[in-house]
Amino acid sequence: MDTKPLQNVWQIADPTATKLDLTGIVRRVHTTSGERRKAVSTRKTAPARQDPGSDFVEALAHGLALFESWQDHDTWLTNAQISERSGLTRTTVSRLSAVLVDLGYLARESQRGRLRLTALTLSLGFGNAFARIPASASQQQLKQLASELDVYAALSIRQSDLVQVVEHVVSPYHPDAVVLDVGGKLPICRSASGFAALCALKESEASPLLERLRSQYGERWSPLARQIERSRQEYLSKGYCTSVSNLSRNIGAVAVPVIPTGSDDIFVLGCGMSAQDFYPERVEREIAPQLLKVADDLKVSLLA
């Protein structure tokens, strides 16, 4: 696996451990989400701005025009291409793109300076080209997994403390067994897909996230922390994560993190099945090997 697993974060996750001074890290991690929450709160209380010539409306229109520059099959665009498609000046595109990169909605290619939409745009809807890229690239592999293993197969993407399904295929033998539909979300600390996403994080990202989760769950954190540690050890030794009856008593799941070549986005490839069909021998001999192979293929094909 090319992903870097969690390292030395269990002491932080342990509710009895001494807390480290993570103020600076937490501030950087949560600045963007905090600003978005403040923006939502402001929109609810601030008076409406109806003047079409106001700076606010103009900036919003420019931002939407920039997002709309991406069309079917587009991945990377230059500032010049965005300017041509949106009708915005290159100066405006440069200024807006810099802000959107800082906020996490755009990613900039280090060598050529091209831009692409990031996973964060999934929160704005599924109508953008980037959201369709992983779906189309993974469709055939998901169908194969679902058919050959008689499972629900899904590709998800990590967003903060959740993983969100971007594509899924159900078993042809059990077409009604939909575990989670496209757009559905799973908690990162209570699901196999979430555990896999956690294991793909760098320590500098995992530590503040675990601190935040410990604060969020309070007295309920201790059993969750033990599950995270179990999954971390499982991932380190086997390369995948499992869970049984975590969110549903009737479902077992196996998941593998996928980080596409040249990307920082964390995808997760997972399979779900009835708990009665989930047993260690089958996972180790049948399901995990195929899941790991498809995950390796997707690293190249997702954003190629």
C-alpha atoms as a PDB file:
ATOM      1  CA  MET A   1       0.000   0.000   0.000  1.00  0.00           C
ATOM      2  CA  ASP A   2       1.219   3.484  -0.838  1.00  0.00           C
ATOM      3  CA  THR A   3      -0.863   5.139   1.881  1.00  0.00           C
ATOM      4  CA  LYS A   4       0.851   6.249   5.033  1.00  0.00           C
ATOM      5  CA  PRO A   5      -0.883   4.640   8.042  1.00  0.00           C
ATOM      6  CA  LEU A   6      -1.565   6.229  11.389  1.00  0.00           C
ATOM      7  CA  GLN A   7       1.549   6.502  13.506  1.00  0.00           C
ATOM      8  CA  ASN A   8       1.746   7.072  17.255  1.00  0.00           C
ATOM      9  CA  VAL A   9      -1.740   8.529  17.525  1.00  0.00           C
ATOM     10  CA  TRP A  10      -3.220   5.976  19.903  1.00  0.00           C
ATOM     11  CA  GLN A  11      -1.867   7.805  22.955  1.00  0.00           C
ATOM     12  CA  ILE A  12      -3.834  10.839  21.823  1.00  0.00           C
ATOM     13  CA  ALA A  13      -6.981   8.809  21.162  1.00  0.00           C
ATOM     14  CA  ASP A  14      -6.781   7.119  24.588  1.00  0.00           C
ATOM     15  CA  PRO A  15      -9.111   9.150  26.847  1.00  0.00           C
ATOM     16  CA  THR A  16      -6.803   8.516  29.830  1.00  0.00           C
ATOM     17  CA  ALA A  17      -3.719   9.875  28.070  1.00  0.00           C
ATOM     18  CA  THR A  18      -2.232  13.312  28.667  1.00  0.00           C
ATOM     19  CA  LYS A  19      -3.373  15.740  26.022  1.00  0.00           C
ATOM     20  CA  LEU A  20      -0.730  17.291  23.800  1.00  0.00           C
ATOM     21  CA  ASP A  21      -0.721  20.946  22.850  1.00  0.00           C
ATOM     22  CA  LEU A  22      -2.399  20.717  19.447  1.00  0.00           C
ATOM     23  CA  THR A  23      -3.907  24.202  19.441  1.00  0.00           C
ATOM     24  CA  GLY A  24      -2.012  25.381  16.384  1.00  0.00           C
ATOM     25  CA  ILE A  25      -2.788  22.260  14.375  1.00  0.00           C
ATOM     26  CA  VAL A  26      -6.448  22.262  15.331  1.00  0.00           C
ATOM     27  CA  ARG A  27      -6.747  25.925  14.414  1.00  0.00           C
ATOM     28  CA  ARG A  28      -5.390  25.293  10.925  1.00  0.00           C
ATOM     29  CA  VAL A  29      -7.523  22.180  10.387  1.00  0.00           C
ATOM     30  CA  HIS A  30     -10.761  23.803  11.492  1.00  0.00           C
ATOM     31  CA  THR A  31     -10.314  27.325  10.108  1.00  0.00           C
ATOM     32  CA  THR A  32     -12.056  26.541   6.830  1.00  0.00           C
ATOM     33  CA  SER A  33     -15.002  24.682   8.351  1.00  0.00           C
ATOM     34  CA  GLY A  34     -15.353  27.333  11.013  1.00  0.00           C
ATOM     35  CA  GLU A  35     -15.472  30.069   8.435  1.00  0.00           C
ATOM     36  CA  ARG A  36     -18.146  28.165   6.509  1.00  0.00           C
ATOM     37  CA  ARG A  37     -20.232  27.766   9.664  1.00  0.00           C
ATOM     38  CA  LYS A  38     -19.917  31.476  10.372  1.00  0.00           C
ATOM     39  CA  ALA A  39     -20.911  32.229   6.808  1.00  0.00           C
ATOM     40  CA  VAL A  40     -24.040  30.109   7.163  1.00  0.00           C
ATOM     41  CA  SER A  41     -24.899  31.841  10.427  1.00  0.00           C
ATOM     42  CA  THR A  42     -24.363  35.241   8.832  1.00  0.00           C
ATOM     43  CA  ARG A  43     -26.620  34.371   5.922  1.00  0.00           C
ATOM     44  CA  LYS A  44     -29.392  33.453   8.330  1.00  0.00           C
ATOM     45  CA  THR A  45     -29.276  36.746  10.242  1.00  0.00           C
ATOM     46  CA  ALA A  46     -27.879  39.370   7.898  1.00  0.00           C
ATOM     47  CA  PRO A  47     -30.269  41.483   5.826  1.00  0.00           C
ATOM     48  CA  ALA A  48     -30.648  40.376   2.211  1.00  0.00           C
ATOM     49  CA  ARG A  49     -28.488  42.158  -0.317  1.00  0.00           C
ATOM     50  CA  GLN A  50     -30.607  42.594  -3.414  1.00  0.00           C
ATOM     51  CA  ASP A  51     -28.532  45.144  -5.296  1.00  0.00           C
ATOM     52  CA  PRO A  52     -27.213  43.272  -8.387  1.00  0.00           C
ATOM     53  CA  GLY A  53     -24.323  45.701  -8.585  1.00  0.00           C
ATOM     54  CA  SER A  54     -23.074  45.091  -5.062  1.00  0.00           C
ATOM     55  CA  ASP A  55     -19.619  43.634  -4.484  1.00  0.00           C
ATOM     56  CA  PHE A  56     -21.160  40.656  -2.724  1.00  0.00           C
ATOM     57  CA  VAL A  57     -23.423  39.620  -5.589  1.00  0.00           C
ATOM     58  CA  GLU A  58     -20.731  40.275  -8.176  1.00  0.00           C
ATOM     59  CA  ALA A  59     -18.152  38.154  -6.328  1.00  0.00           C
ATOM     60  CA  LEU A  60     -20.698  35.347  -5.920  1.00  0.00           C
ATOM     61  CA  ALA A  61     -21.549  35.435  -9.621  1.00  0.00           C
ATOM     62  CA  HIS A  62     -17.865  35.347 -10.532  1.00  0.00           C
ATOM     63  CA  GLY A  63     -17.254  32.381  -8.238  1.00  0.00           C
ATOM     64  CA  LEU A  64     -20.151  30.417  -9.734  1.00  0.00           C
ATOM     65  CA  ALA A  65     -18.962  31.245 -13.248  1.00  0.00           C
ATOM     66  CA  LEU A  66     -15.528  29.920 -12.363  1.00  0.00           C
ATOM     67  CA  PHE A  67     -16.962  26.616 -11.067  1.00  0.00           C
ATOM     68  CA  GLU A  68     -19.105  26.258 -14.192  1.00  0.00           C
ATOM     69  CA  SER A  69     -15.987  26.329 -16.379  1.00  0.00           C
ATOM     70  CA  TRP A  70     -15.499  22.602 -15.751  1.00  0.00           C
ATOM     71  CA  GLN A  71     -17.345  20.530 -18.314  1.00  0.00           C
ATOM     72  CA  ASP A  72     -17.757  16.827 -19.016  1.00  0.00           C
ATOM     73  CA  HIS A  73     -14.449  14.932 -18.924  1.00  0.00           C
ATOM     74  CA  ASP A  74     -12.470  17.965 -17.700  1.00  0.00           C
ATOM     75  CA  THR A  75     -10.020  17.406 -14.868  1.00  0.00           C
ATOM     76  CA  TRP A  76      -7.315  20.084 -15.019  1.00  0.00           C
ATOM     77  CA  LEU A  77      -7.854  23.599 -16.413  1.00  0.00           C
ATOM     78  CA  THR A  78      -5.482  26.539 -16.746  1.00  0.00           C
ATOM     79  CA  ASN A  79      -6.339  30.081 -15.705  1.00  0.00           C
ATOM     80  CA  ALA A  80      -6.471  30.971 -19.403  1.00  0.00           C
ATOM     81  CA  GLN A  81      -9.009  28.229 -20.121  1.00  0.00           C
ATOM     82  CA  ILE A  82     -11.148  29.271 -17.165  1.00  0.00           C
ATOM     83  CA  SER A  83     -10.979  32.905 -18.281  1.00  0.00           C
ATOM     84  CA  GLU A  84     -12.038  31.992 -21.810  1.00  0.00           C
ATOM     85  CA  ARG A  85     -14.938  29.785 -20.708  1.00  0.00           C
ATOM     86  CA  SER A  86     -16.228  32.005 -17.906  1.00  0.00           C
ATOM     87  CA  GLY A  87     -15.741  35.386 -19.551  1.00  0.00           C
ATOM     88  CA  LEU A  88     -13.819  36.599 -16.494  1.00  0.00           C
ATOM     89  CA  THR A  89     -10.531  38.444 -16.812  1.00  0.00           C
ATOM     90  CA  ARG A  90      -7.373  36.498 -16.052  1.00  0.00           C
ATOM     91  CA  THR A  91      -6.738  38.784 -13.091  1.00  0.00           C
ATOM     92  CA  THR A  92     -10.141  37.965 -11.620  1.00  0.00           C
ATOM     93  CA  VAL A  93      -9.640  34.242 -12.252  1.00  0.00           C
ATOM     94  CA  SER A  94      -6.216  34.366 -10.610  1.00  0.00           C
ATOM     95  CA  ARG A  95      -7.561  36.163  -7.544  1.00  0.00           C
ATOM     96  CA  LEU A  96     -10.628  33.913  -7.149  1.00  0.00           C
ATOM     97  CA  SER A  97      -8.710  30.687  -7.740  1.00  0.00           C
ATOM     98  CA  ALA A  98      -6.169  31.625  -5.071  1.00  0.00           C
ATOM     99  CA  VAL A  99      -8.969  32.066  -2.531  1.00  0.00           C
ATOM    100  CA  LEU A 100     -10.697  28.815  -3.570  1.00  0.00           C
ATOM    101  CA  VAL A 101      -7.413  26.906  -3.313  1.00  0.00           C
ATOM    102  CA  ASP A 102      -6.957  28.237   0.219  1.00  0.00           C
ATOM    103  CA  LEU A 103     -10.510  27.197   1.105  1.00  0.00           C
ATOM    104  CA  GLY A 104      -9.967  23.717  -0.329  1.00  0.00           C
ATOM    105  CA  TYR A 105     -12.447  23.864  -3.230  1.00  0.00           C
ATOM    106  CA  LEU A 106      -9.687  23.872  -5.860  1.00  0.00           C
ATOM    107  CA  ALA A 107      -6.342  22.089  -6.051  1.00  0.00           C
ATOM    108  CA  ARG A 108      -3.382  23.540  -7.936  1.00  0.00           C
ATOM    109  CA  GLU A 109      -0.906  21.403  -9.854  1.00  0.00           C
ATOM    110  CA  SER A 110       2.534  22.262  -8.498  1.00  0.00           C
ATOM    111  CA  GLN A 111       4.509  22.049 -11.752  1.00  0.00           C
ATOM    112  CA  ARG A 112       2.156  23.529 -14.356  1.00  0.00           C
ATOM    113  CA  GLY A 113      -0.166  25.570 -12.157  1.00  0.00           C
ATOM    114  CA  ARG A 114      -3.339  23.982 -13.542  1.00  0.00           C
ATOM    115  CA  LEU A 115      -6.448  23.746 -11.374  1.00  0.00           C
ATOM    116  CA  ARG A 116      -9.038  21.074 -10.640  1.00  0.00           C
ATOM    117  CA  LEU A 117     -12.100  20.761  -8.439  1.00  0.00           C
ATOM    118  CA  THR A 118     -11.503  18.904  -5.168  1.00  0.00           C
ATOM    119  CA  ALA A 119     -13.548  16.497  -3.100  1.00  0.00           C
ATOM    120  CA  LEU A 120     -14.904  19.419  -1.072  1.00  0.00           C
ATOM    121  CA  THR A 121     -17.032  20.439  -4.059  1.00  0.00           C
ATOM    122  CA  LEU A 122     -19.055  17.263  -3.459  1.00  0.00           C
ATOM    123  CA  SER A 123     -20.688  19.159  -0.613  1.00  0.00           C
ATOM    124  CA  LEU A 124     -22.022  21.592  -3.226  1.00  0.00           C
ATOM    125  CA  GLY A 125     -23.693  18.805  -5.194  1.00  0.00           C
ATOM    126  CA  PHE A 126     -22.949  15.967  -7.580  1.00  0.00           C
ATOM    127  CA  GLY A 127     -23.318  17.932 -10.813  1.00  0.00           C
ATOM    128  CA  ASN A 128     -19.657  18.704 -11.390  1.00  0.00           C
ATOM    129  CA  ALA A 129     -17.214  16.922 -13.635  1.00  0.00           C
ATOM    130  CA  PHE A 130     -14.853  15.932 -10.831  1.00  0.00           C
ATOM    131  CA  ALA A 131     -17.642  14.152  -8.960  1.00  0.00           C
ATOM    132  CA  ARG A 132     -18.397  12.078 -12.062  1.00  0.00           C
ATOM    133  CA  ILE A 133     -14.759  11.100 -12.692  1.00  0.00           C
ATOM    134  CA  PRO A 134     -14.425   8.599  -9.826  1.00  0.00           C
ATOM    135  CA  ALA A 135     -17.912   7.306 -10.502  1.00  0.00           C
ATOM    136  CA  SER A 136     -17.246   6.502 -14.150  1.00  0.00           C
ATOM    137  CA  ALA A 137     -13.714   5.261 -13.493  1.00  0.00           C
ATOM    138  CA  SER A 138     -14.822   2.839 -10.791  1.00  0.00           C
ATOM    139  CA  GLN A 139     -18.139   1.618 -12.201  1.00  0.00           C
ATOM    140  CA  GLN A 140     -16.817  -1.493 -13.943  1.00  0.00           C
ATOM    141  CA  GLN A 141     -14.658  -2.578 -10.998  1.00  0.00           C
ATOM    142  CA  LEU A 142     -17.548  -2.113  -8.585  1.00  0.00           C
ATOM    143  CA  LYS A 143     -19.825  -4.187 -10.806  1.00  0.00           C
ATOM    144  CA  GLN A 144     -17.239  -6.945 -10.904  1.00  0.00           C
ATOM    145  CA  LEU A 145     -16.817  -6.958  -7.118  1.00  0.00           C
ATOM    146  CA  ALA A 146     -20.575  -6.933  -6.519  1.00  0.00           C
ATOM    147  CA  SER A 147     -21.172  -9.777  -8.953  1.00  0.00           C
ATOM    148  CA  GLU A 148     -18.253 -12.053  -8.124  1.00  0.00           C
ATOM    149  CA  LEU A 149     -18.417 -11.624  -4.349  1.00  0.00           C
ATOM    150  CA  ASP A 150     -22.194 -11.162  -3.975  1.00  0.00           C
ATOM    151  CA  VAL A 151     -21.713  -7.921  -2.019  1.00  0.00           C
ATOM    152  CA  TYR A 152     -22.664  -4.264  -2.002  1.00  0.00           C
ATOM    153  CA  ALA A 153     -19.595  -2.444  -3.415  1.00  0.00           C
ATOM    154  CA  ALA A 154     -19.025   1.283  -2.977  1.00  0.00           C
ATOM    155  CA  LEU A 155     -16.493   4.017  -3.582  1.00  0.00           C
ATOM    156  CA  SER A 156     -16.521   6.786  -0.985  1.00  0.00           C
ATOM    157  CA  ILE A 157     -14.478   9.878  -0.272  1.00  0.00           C
ATOM    158  CA  ARG A 158     -13.321  11.324   3.009  1.00  0.00           C
ATOM    159  CA  GLN A 159     -14.754  14.699   4.036  1.00  0.00           C
ATOM    160  CA  SER A 160     -13.567  15.864   7.453  1.00  0.00           C
ATOM    161  CA  ASP A 161     -14.996  13.383  10.000  1.00  0.00           C
ATOM    162  CA  LEU A 162     -17.245  11.606   7.468  1.00  0.00           C
ATOM    163  CA  VAL A 163     -16.936   9.451   4.367  1.00  0.00           C
ATOM    164  CA  GLN A 164     -19.419  10.096   1.554  1.00  0.00           C
ATOM    165  CA  VAL A 165     -20.498   7.578  -1.085  1.00  0.00           C
ATOM    166  CA  VAL A 166     -19.813   8.761  -4.663  1.00  0.00           C
ATOM    167  CA  GLU A 167     -20.695   5.517  -6.444  1.00  0.00           C
ATOM    168  CA  HIS A 168     -22.077   2.106  -5.536  1.00  0.00           C
ATOM    169  CA  VAL A 169     -23.240  -1.152  -7.126  1.00  0.00           C
ATOM    170  CA  VAL A 170     -25.453  -3.757  -5.465  1.00  0.00           C
ATOM    171  CA  SER A 171     -25.169  -7.500  -5.812  1.00  0.00           C
ATOM    172  CA  PRO A 172     -27.205  -8.797  -8.772  1.00  0.00           C
ATOM    173  CA  TYR A 173     -28.330 -11.628  -6.494  1.00  0.00           C
ATOM    174  CA  HIS A 174     -29.668  -9.240  -3.832  1.00  0.00           C
ATOM    175  CA  PRO A 175     -30.714  -6.087  -5.731  1.00  0.00           C
ATOM    176  CA  ASP A 176     -32.664  -4.682  -2.773  1.00  0.00           C
ATOM    177  CA  ALA A 177     -29.719  -4.847  -0.382  1.00  0.00           C
ATOM    178  CA  VAL A 178     -28.601  -1.206  -0.664  1.00  0.00           C
ATOM    179  CA  VAL A 179     -26.437  -0.369   2.337  1.00  0.00           C
ATOM    180  CA  LEU A 180     -26.037   3.320   1.506  1.00  0.00           C
ATOM    181  CA  ASP A 181     -27.019   5.285  -1.597  1.00  0.00           C
ATOM    182  CA  VAL A 182     -24.911   7.832  -3.482  1.00  0.00           C
ATOM    183  CA  GLY A 183     -24.480  10.925  -1.327  1.00  0.00           C
ATOM    184  CA  GLY A 184     -24.933   8.948   1.881  1.00  0.00           C
ATOM    185  CA  LYS A 185     -22.446   9.537   4.689  1.00  0.00           C
ATOM    186  CA  LEU A 186     -20.785   7.319   7.277  1.00  0.00           C
ATOM    187  CA  PRO A 187     -19.024   8.454  10.484  1.00  0.00           C
ATOM    188  CA  ILE A 188     -15.266   8.121  10.232  1.00  0.00           C
ATOM    189  CA  CYS A 189     -14.962   6.504  13.675  1.00  0.00           C
ATOM    190  CA  ARG A 190     -17.833   4.015  13.447  1.00  0.00           C
ATOM    191  CA  SER A 191     -17.535   2.278  10.063  1.00  0.00           C
ATOM    192  CA  ALA A 192     -15.068   0.157   8.119  1.00  0.00           C
ATOM    193  CA  SER A 193     -14.838   2.832   5.412  1.00  0.00           C
ATOM    194  CA  GLY A 194     -14.240   5.461   8.058  1.00  0.00           C
ATOM    195  CA  PHE A 195     -11.523   3.399   9.725  1.00  0.00           C
ATOM    196  CA  ALA A 196      -9.818   2.919   6.344  1.00  0.00           C
ATOM    197  CA  ALA A 197      -9.906   6.676   5.707  1.00  0.00           C
ATOM    198  CA  LEU A 198      -8.399   7.315   9.143  1.00  0.00           C
ATOM    199  CA  CYS A 199      -5.574   4.891   8.412  1.00  0.00           C
ATOM    200  CA  ALA A 200      -4.697   6.795   5.230  1.00  0.00           C
ATOM    201  CA  LEU A 201      -4.236  10.081   7.077  1.00  0.00           C
ATOM    202  CA  LYS A 202      -0.844  11.443   7.984  1.00  0.00           C
ATOM    203  CA  GLU A 203      -0.219  11.706  11.712  1.00  0.00           C
ATOM    204  CA  SER A 204      -0.373  15.502  11.541  1.00  0.00           C
ATOM    205  CA  GLU A 205      -3.937  15.219  10.197  1.00  0.00           C
ATOM    206  CA  ALA A 206      -5.087  12.264  12.301  1.00  0.00           C
ATOM    207  CA  SER A 207      -4.039  13.647  15.680  1.00  0.00           C
ATOM    208  CA  PRO A 208      -6.207  16.797  15.696  1.00  0.00           C
ATOM    209  CA  LEU A 209      -9.114  14.897  14.169  1.00  0.00           C
ATOM    210  CA  LEU A 210      -9.003  12.290  16.945  1.00  0.00           C
ATOM    211  CA  GLU A 211      -8.844  15.047  19.543  1.00  0.00           C
ATOM    212  CA  ARG A 212     -11.897  16.646  18.013  1.00  0.00           C
ATOM    213  CA  LEU A 213     -13.783  13.344  17.952  1.00  0.00           C
ATOM    214  CA  ARG A 214     -12.883  12.603  21.570  1.00  0.00           C
ATOM    215  CA  SER A 215     -14.312  15.957  22.592  1.00  0.00           C
ATOM    216  CA  GLN A 216     -17.404  15.424  20.433  1.00  0.00           C
ATOM    217  CA  TYR A 217     -18.260  11.952  21.741  1.00  0.00           C
ATOM    218  CA  GLY A 218     -17.364  12.570  25.378  1.00  0.00           C
ATOM    219  CA  GLU A 219     -18.183   9.562  27.563  1.00  0.00           C
ATOM    220  CA  ARG A 220     -18.954   7.462  24.469  1.00  0.00           C
ATOM    221  CA  TRP A 221     -15.411   7.878  23.141  1.00  0.00           C
ATOM    222  CA  SER A 222     -13.625   5.092  25.022  1.00  0.00           C
ATOM    223  CA  PRO A 223     -15.192   2.125  23.122  1.00  0.00           C
ATOM    224  CA  LEU A 224     -14.819   3.994  19.826  1.00  0.00           C
ATOM    225  CA  ALA A 225     -11.139   4.615  20.579  1.00  0.00           C
ATOM    226  CA  ARG A 226     -10.646   0.890  21.138  1.00  0.00           C
ATOM    227  CA  GLN A 227     -12.288   0.153  17.783  1.00  0.00           C
ATOM    228  CA  ILE A 228     -10.028   2.661  16.055  1.00  0.00           C
ATOM    229  CA  GLU A 229      -6.946   1.077  17.588  1.00  0.00           C
ATOM    230  CA  ARG A 230      -8.115  -2.399  16.577  1.00  0.00           C
ATOM    231  CA  SER A 231      -8.652  -1.176  13.010  1.00  0.00           C
ATOM    232  CA  ARG A 232      -5.277   0.553  12.972  1.00  0.00           C
ATOM    233  CA  GLN A 233      -3.544  -2.692  13.950  1.00  0.00           C
ATOM    234  CA  GLU A 234      -5.613  -4.607  11.403  1.00  0.00           C
ATOM    235  CA  TYR A 235      -4.652  -2.171   8.657  1.00  0.00           C
ATOM    236  CA  LEU A 236      -0.961  -2.278   9.565  1.00  0.00           C
ATOM    237  CA  SER A 237      -0.908  -6.079   9.458  1.00  0.00           C
ATOM    238  CA  LYS A 238      -3.372  -6.812   6.634  1.00  0.00           C
ATOM    239  CA  GLY A 239      -3.841  -3.640   4.578  1.00  0.00           C
ATOM    240  CA  TYR A 240      -7.602  -3.361   5.112  1.00  0.00           C
ATOM    241  CA  CYS A 241     -10.176  -2.599   7.817  1.00  0.00           C
ATOM    242  CA  THR A 242     -13.293  -4.504   8.865  1.00  0.00           C
ATOM    243  CA  SER A 243     -16.357  -3.906  10.994  1.00  0.00           C
ATOM    244  CA  VAL A 244     -19.319  -6.033  11.982  1.00  0.00           C
ATOM    245  CA  SER A 245     -22.622  -4.700  13.303  1.00  0.00           C
ATOM    246  CA  ASN A 246     -21.200  -1.252  14.042  1.00  0.00           C
ATOM    247  CA  LEU A 247     -23.971   0.782  12.416  1.00  0.00           C
ATOM    248  CA  SER A 248     -26.332  -2.098  11.762  1.00  0.00           C
ATOM    249  CA  ARG A 249     -26.570  -5.455  13.486  1.00  0.00           C
ATOM    250  CA  ASN A 250     -27.079  -7.149  10.139  1.00  0.00           C
ATOM    251  CA  ILE A 251     -24.109  -5.809   8.169  1.00  0.00           C
ATOM    252  CA  GLY A 252     -20.410  -6.669   7.954  1.00  0.00           C
ATOM    253  CA  ALA A 253     -17.989  -4.559   5.922  1.00  0.00           C
ATOM    254  CA  VAL A 254     -14.439  -4.542   4.553  1.00  0.00           C
ATOM    255  CA  ALA A 255     -12.715  -1.374   3.305  1.00  0.00           C
ATOM    256  CA  VAL A 256      -9.429  -0.244   1.770  1.00  0.00           C
ATOM    257  CA  PRO A 257      -8.123   3.344   1.435  1.00  0.00           C
ATOM    258  CA  VAL A 258      -7.326   4.604  -2.064  1.00  0.00           C
ATOM    259  CA  ILE A 259      -5.222   7.698  -2.742  1.00  0.00           C
ATOM    260  CA  PRO A 260      -5.073   8.397  -6.504  1.00  0.00           C
ATOM    261  CA  THR A 261      -1.667   9.055  -7.985  1.00  0.00           C
ATOM    262  CA  GLY A 262      -0.811  12.749  -7.735  1.00  0.00           C
ATOM    263  CA  SER A 263      -3.743  13.549  -5.444  1.00  0.00           C
ATOM    264  CA  ASP A 264      -4.240  14.283  -1.750  1.00  0.00           C
ATOM    265  CA  ASP A 265      -7.872  13.155  -1.790  1.00  0.00           C
ATOM    266  CA  ILE A 266      -8.641  10.007   0.196  1.00  0.00           C
ATOM    267  CA  PHE A 267     -11.091   7.619  -1.420  1.00  0.00           C
ATOM    268  CA  VAL A 268     -12.257   4.379   0.181  1.00  0.00           C
ATOM    269  CA  LEU A 269     -13.225   1.168  -1.607  1.00  0.00           C
ATOM    270  CA  GLY A 270     -15.582  -0.915   0.483  1.00  0.00           C
ATOM    271  CA  CYS A 271     -17.799  -4.001   0.422  1.00  0.00           C
ATOM    272  CA  GLY A 272     -20.847  -4.663   2.572  1.00  0.00           C
ATOM    273  CA  MET A 273     -22.708  -7.907   3.135  1.00  0.00           C
ATOM    274  CA  SER A 274     -25.052  -9.554   5.595  1.00  0.00           C
ATOM    275  CA  ALA A 275     -23.433 -10.325   8.932  1.00  0.00           C
ATOM    276  CA  GLN A 276     -24.169 -14.040   8.479  1.00  0.00           C
ATOM    277  CA  ASP A 277     -21.999 -14.073   5.317  1.00  0.00           C
ATOM    278  CA  PHE A 278     -19.184 -12.189   7.030  1.00  0.00           C
ATOM    279  CA  TYR A 279     -16.575 -14.419   8.600  1.00  0.00           C
ATOM    280  CA  PRO A 280     -12.749 -14.087   8.847  1.00  0.00           C
ATOM    281  CA  GLU A 281     -11.872 -16.960   6.515  1.00  0.00           C
ATOM    282  CA  ARG A 282     -13.976 -15.569   3.685  1.00  0.00           C
ATOM    283  CA  VAL A 283     -12.664 -12.034   4.195  1.00  0.00           C
ATOM    284  CA  GLU A 284      -9.004 -13.111   4.176  1.00  0.00           C
ATOM    285  CA  ARG A 285      -9.154 -15.635   1.323  1.00  0.00           C
ATOM    286  CA  GLU A 286     -11.827 -14.260  -0.985  1.00  0.00           C
ATOM    287  CA  ILE A 287     -12.863 -10.662  -0.377  1.00  0.00           C
ATOM    288  CA  ALA A 288      -9.717  -8.839   0.766  1.00  0.00           C
ATOM    289  CA  PRO A 289      -7.421 -10.013  -2.083  1.00  0.00           C
ATOM    290  CA  GLN A 290      -9.861  -8.782  -4.748  1.00  0.00           C
ATOM    291  CA  LEU A 291     -10.522  -5.560  -2.868  1.00  0.00           C
ATOM    292  CA  LEU A 292      -6.803  -4.797  -2.573  1.00  0.00           C
ATOM    293  CA  LYS A 293      -6.213  -5.515  -6.248  1.00  0.00           C
ATOM    294  CA  VAL A 294      -9.029  -3.208  -7.380  1.00  0.00           C
ATOM    295  CA  ALA A 295      -7.813  -0.520  -4.973  1.00  0.00           C
ATOM    296  CA  ASP A 296      -4.364  -0.610  -6.595  1.00  0.00           C
ATOM    297  CA  ASP A 297      -5.949  -0.257 -10.046  1.00  0.00           C
ATOM    298  CA  LEU A 298      -8.074   2.690  -8.931  1.00  0.00           C
ATOM    299  CA  LYS A 299      -5.034   4.590  -7.671  1.00  0.00           C
ATOM    300  CA  VAL A 300      -4.035   5.006 -11.303  1.00  0.00           C
ATOM    301  CA  SER A 301      -7.425   5.261 -13.002  1.00  0.00           C
ATOM    302  CA  LEU A 302      -9.447   7.562 -10.748  1.00  0.00           C
ATOM    303  CA  LEU A 303      -7.896  10.874 -11.770  1.00  0.00           C
ATOM    304  CA  ALA A 304      -5.856   9.775 -14.783  1.00  0.00           C
END
